Every structure is written in C-alpha cells, then in structure tokens.
Amino acid sequence: MKKWLFTFLAAVVLIGCSNNNIDTAKVRAAMQSIDPAGKEQLELALTAIDAGKYGDAAFPLKKIAFGSKLDKDQIKVLKDTMAKVQAKIAKGQ
C-alpha cells in the first residue's frame, strides 16, 4: 500500500497540467457511483475548489484516493483533479 501511495503521489506531482482549470461538474458526474463516504469527501473537495480554497481540497481528494473503490476512469479523473489542485497550490492560489 505504501508503495502504491508513493507512486500515486509522485505521479500527481509529476503530471504537467497544461490546463489548470478544474471542471467540478465533470468531476461530480464521473464520481456518481462512489460510496457515500467518498461522495461526502468529494463534496468537501469540490466545494473548496469552487471557493478557490485549493489547500482545503487536497486532503479530501487524498481520502477518496485511498478510501474509495474507483474504476479506471474515476482514477484518471481523480488524478487529473489532484494534479490541478497541486498546481494551484504551488502557484499560491
């Protein structure tokens, strides 16, 4: 698990996002089938993103990554969202 965590976080950091805009409606649509606890964390994260509080979105997104069962497409959306959030945080937004 720790190896997967390290690999996942490294991938998130290394992903270069040419478009740092986060379409929260698209993320919500892609995550409709996740478990209730995951949906709760998702709403926390997306509400923070919509408010421009990217630092507040990072932890709930990580909780989804490690606490919810996701399919391949959901993993891709989550990784992309996490990378964009990290890019916003790095820029001081």
C-alpha atoms as a PDB file:
ATOM      1  CA  MET A   1       0.000   0.000   0.000  1.00  0.00           C
ATOM      2  CA  LYS A   2       2.804   2.419   0.864  1.00  0.00           C
ATOM      3  CA  LYS A   3       4.483   1.740  -2.464  1.00  0.00           C
ATOM      4  CA  TRP A   4       1.223   2.471  -4.287  1.00  0.00           C
ATOM      5  CA  LEU A   5       0.764   5.642  -2.232  1.00  0.00           C
ATOM      6  CA  PHE A   6       4.263   6.854  -3.076  1.00  0.00           C
ATOM      7  CA  THR A   7       3.790   6.028  -6.771  1.00  0.00           C
ATOM      8  CA  PHE A   8       0.405   7.720  -6.865  1.00  0.00           C
ATOM      9  CA  LEU A   9       1.610  10.899  -5.155  1.00  0.00           C
ATOM     10  CA  ALA A  10       4.717  11.019  -7.335  1.00  0.00           C
ATOM     11  CA  ALA A  11       2.543  10.726 -10.434  1.00  0.00           C
ATOM     12  CA  VAL A  12       0.314  13.538  -9.212  1.00  0.00           C
ATOM     13  CA  VAL A  13       3.303  15.801  -8.623  1.00  0.00           C
ATOM     14  CA  LEU A  14       4.950  14.965 -11.932  1.00  0.00           C
ATOM     15  CA  ILE A  15       1.883  15.348 -14.129  1.00  0.00           C
ATOM     16  CA  GLY A  16       2.181  18.544 -16.089  1.00  0.00           C
ATOM     17  CA  CYS A  17      -1.206  20.146 -16.494  1.00  0.00           C
ATOM     18  CA  SER A  18      -1.442  22.463 -19.446  1.00  0.00           C
ATOM     19  CA  ASN A  19      -4.991  23.413 -18.432  1.00  0.00           C
ATOM     20  CA  ASN A  20      -5.280  24.061 -14.712  1.00  0.00           C
ATOM     21  CA  ASN A  21      -8.992  24.851 -14.787  1.00  0.00           C
ATOM     22  CA  ILE A  22     -10.991  22.347 -12.764  1.00  0.00           C
ATOM     23  CA  ASP A  23     -14.428  21.466 -14.108  1.00  0.00           C
ATOM     24  CA  THR A  24     -16.138  20.446 -10.879  1.00  0.00           C
ATOM     25  CA  ALA A  25     -19.345  19.458 -12.693  1.00  0.00           C
ATOM     26  CA  LYS A  26     -17.359  16.976 -14.787  1.00  0.00           C
ATOM     27  CA  VAL A  27     -15.693  15.571 -11.664  1.00  0.00           C
ATOM     28  CA  ARG A  28     -19.076  15.181  -9.926  1.00  0.00           C
ATOM     29  CA  ALA A  29     -20.511  13.414 -12.958  1.00  0.00           C
ATOM     30  CA  ALA A  30     -17.590  10.994 -13.154  1.00  0.00           C
ATOM     31  CA  MET A  31     -17.821  10.115  -9.461  1.00  0.00           C
ATOM     32  CA  GLN A  32     -21.557   9.384  -9.205  1.00  0.00           C
ATOM     33  CA  SER A  33     -21.065   5.711  -8.342  1.00  0.00           C
ATOM     34  CA  ILE A  34     -18.586   6.052  -5.465  1.00  0.00           C
ATOM     35  CA  ASP A  35     -19.518   5.076  -1.915  1.00  0.00           C
ATOM     36  CA  PRO A  36     -21.370   7.532   0.390  1.00  0.00           C
ATOM     37  CA  ALA A  37     -18.251   8.342   2.434  1.00  0.00           C
ATOM     38  CA  GLY A  38     -16.384   9.080  -0.790  1.00  0.00           C
ATOM     39  CA  LYS A  39     -19.209  11.311  -2.007  1.00  0.00           C
ATOM     40  CA  GLU A  40     -19.058  13.263   1.233  1.00  0.00           C
ATOM     41  CA  GLN A  41     -15.313  13.822   0.791  1.00  0.00           C
ATOM     42  CA  LEU A  42     -15.869  14.687  -2.871  1.00  0.00           C
ATOM     43  CA  GLU A  43     -18.370  17.390  -1.973  1.00  0.00           C
ATOM     44  CA  LEU A  44     -15.954  18.843   0.598  1.00  0.00           C
ATOM     45  CA  ALA A  45     -13.205  18.939  -2.017  1.00  0.00           C
ATOM     46  CA  LEU A  46     -15.327  20.346  -4.834  1.00  0.00           C
ATOM     47  CA  THR A  47     -16.895  22.986  -2.603  1.00  0.00           C
ATOM     48  CA  ALA A  48     -13.392  24.100  -1.611  1.00  0.00           C
ATOM     49  CA  ILE A  49     -12.303  24.145  -5.267  1.00  0.00           C
ATOM     50  CA  ASP A  50     -15.342  26.216  -6.258  1.00  0.00           C
ATOM     51  CA  ALA A  51     -14.449  28.668  -3.470  1.00  0.00           C
ATOM     52  CA  GLY A  52     -10.807  28.840  -4.623  1.00  0.00           C
ATOM     53  CA  LYS A  53      -9.559  27.151  -1.429  1.00  0.00           C
ATOM     54  CA  TYR A  54      -7.339  24.586  -3.106  1.00  0.00           C
ATOM     55  CA  GLY A  55      -5.410  23.716   0.046  1.00  0.00           C
ATOM     56  CA  ASP A  56      -8.677  22.653   1.675  1.00  0.00           C
ATOM     57  CA  ALA A  57      -9.455  20.382  -1.293  1.00  0.00           C
ATOM     58  CA  ALA A  58      -6.252  18.337  -1.217  1.00  0.00           C
ATOM     59  CA  PHE A  59      -6.926  16.201   1.870  1.00  0.00           C
ATOM     60  CA  PRO A  60     -10.475  15.121   0.936  1.00  0.00           C
ATOM     61  CA  LEU A  61      -9.223  14.154  -2.537  1.00  0.00           C
ATOM     62  CA  LYS A  62      -6.492  12.024  -0.954  1.00  0.00           C
ATOM     63  CA  LYS A  63      -9.076  10.373   1.302  1.00  0.00           C
ATOM     64  CA  ILE A  64     -11.078   9.418  -1.795  1.00  0.00           C
ATOM     65  CA  ALA A  65      -7.963   8.049  -3.481  1.00  0.00           C
ATOM     66  CA  PHE A  66      -7.173   5.745  -0.583  1.00  0.00           C
ATOM     67  CA  GLY A  67     -10.608   5.058   0.873  1.00  0.00           C
ATOM     68  CA  SER A  68     -12.935   4.554  -2.064  1.00  0.00           C
ATOM     69  CA  LYS A  69     -13.109   1.865  -4.690  1.00  0.00           C
ATOM     70  CA  LEU A  70     -12.735   3.600  -8.038  1.00  0.00           C
ATOM     71  CA  ASP A  71     -12.879   2.343 -11.598  1.00  0.00           C
ATOM     72  CA  LYS A  72     -10.218   3.149 -14.187  1.00  0.00           C
ATOM     73  CA  ASP A  73     -11.990   6.257 -15.499  1.00  0.00           C
ATOM     74  CA  GLN A  74     -12.620   7.594 -11.991  1.00  0.00           C
ATOM     75  CA  ILE A  75      -8.959   7.108 -11.102  1.00  0.00           C
ATOM     76  CA  LYS A  76      -7.972   9.136 -14.169  1.00  0.00           C
ATOM     77  CA  VAL A  77     -10.378  11.957 -13.269  1.00  0.00           C
ATOM     78  CA  LEU A  78      -9.207  11.952  -9.657  1.00  0.00           C
ATOM     79  CA  LYS A  79      -5.510  12.006 -10.610  1.00  0.00           C
ATOM     80  CA  ASP A  80      -6.117  14.861 -13.037  1.00  0.00           C
ATOM     81  CA  THR A  81      -8.069  16.814 -10.424  1.00  0.00           C
ATOM     82  CA  MET A  82      -5.426  16.236  -7.767  1.00  0.00           C
ATOM     83  CA  ALA A  83      -2.683  17.358 -10.139  1.00  0.00           C
ATOM     84  CA  LYS A  84      -4.570  20.536 -10.968  1.00  0.00           C
ATOM     85  CA  VAL A  85      -5.194  21.249  -7.281  1.00  0.00           C
ATOM     86  CA  GLN A  86      -1.484  20.724  -6.532  1.00  0.00           C
ATOM     87  CA  ALA A  87      -0.571  23.066  -9.384  1.00  0.00           C
ATOM     88  CA  LYS A  88      -2.891  25.749  -7.989  1.00  0.00           C
ATOM     89  CA  ILE A  89      -1.396  25.301  -4.525  1.00  0.00           C
ATOM     90  CA  ALA A  90       2.138  25.545  -5.956  1.00  0.00           C
ATOM     91  CA  LYS A  91       1.195  28.823  -7.618  1.00  0.00           C
ATOM     92  CA  GLY A  92      -0.042  30.139  -4.282  1.00  0.00           C
ATOM     93  CA  GLN A  93      -3.686  30.181  -5.217  1.00  0.00           C
END
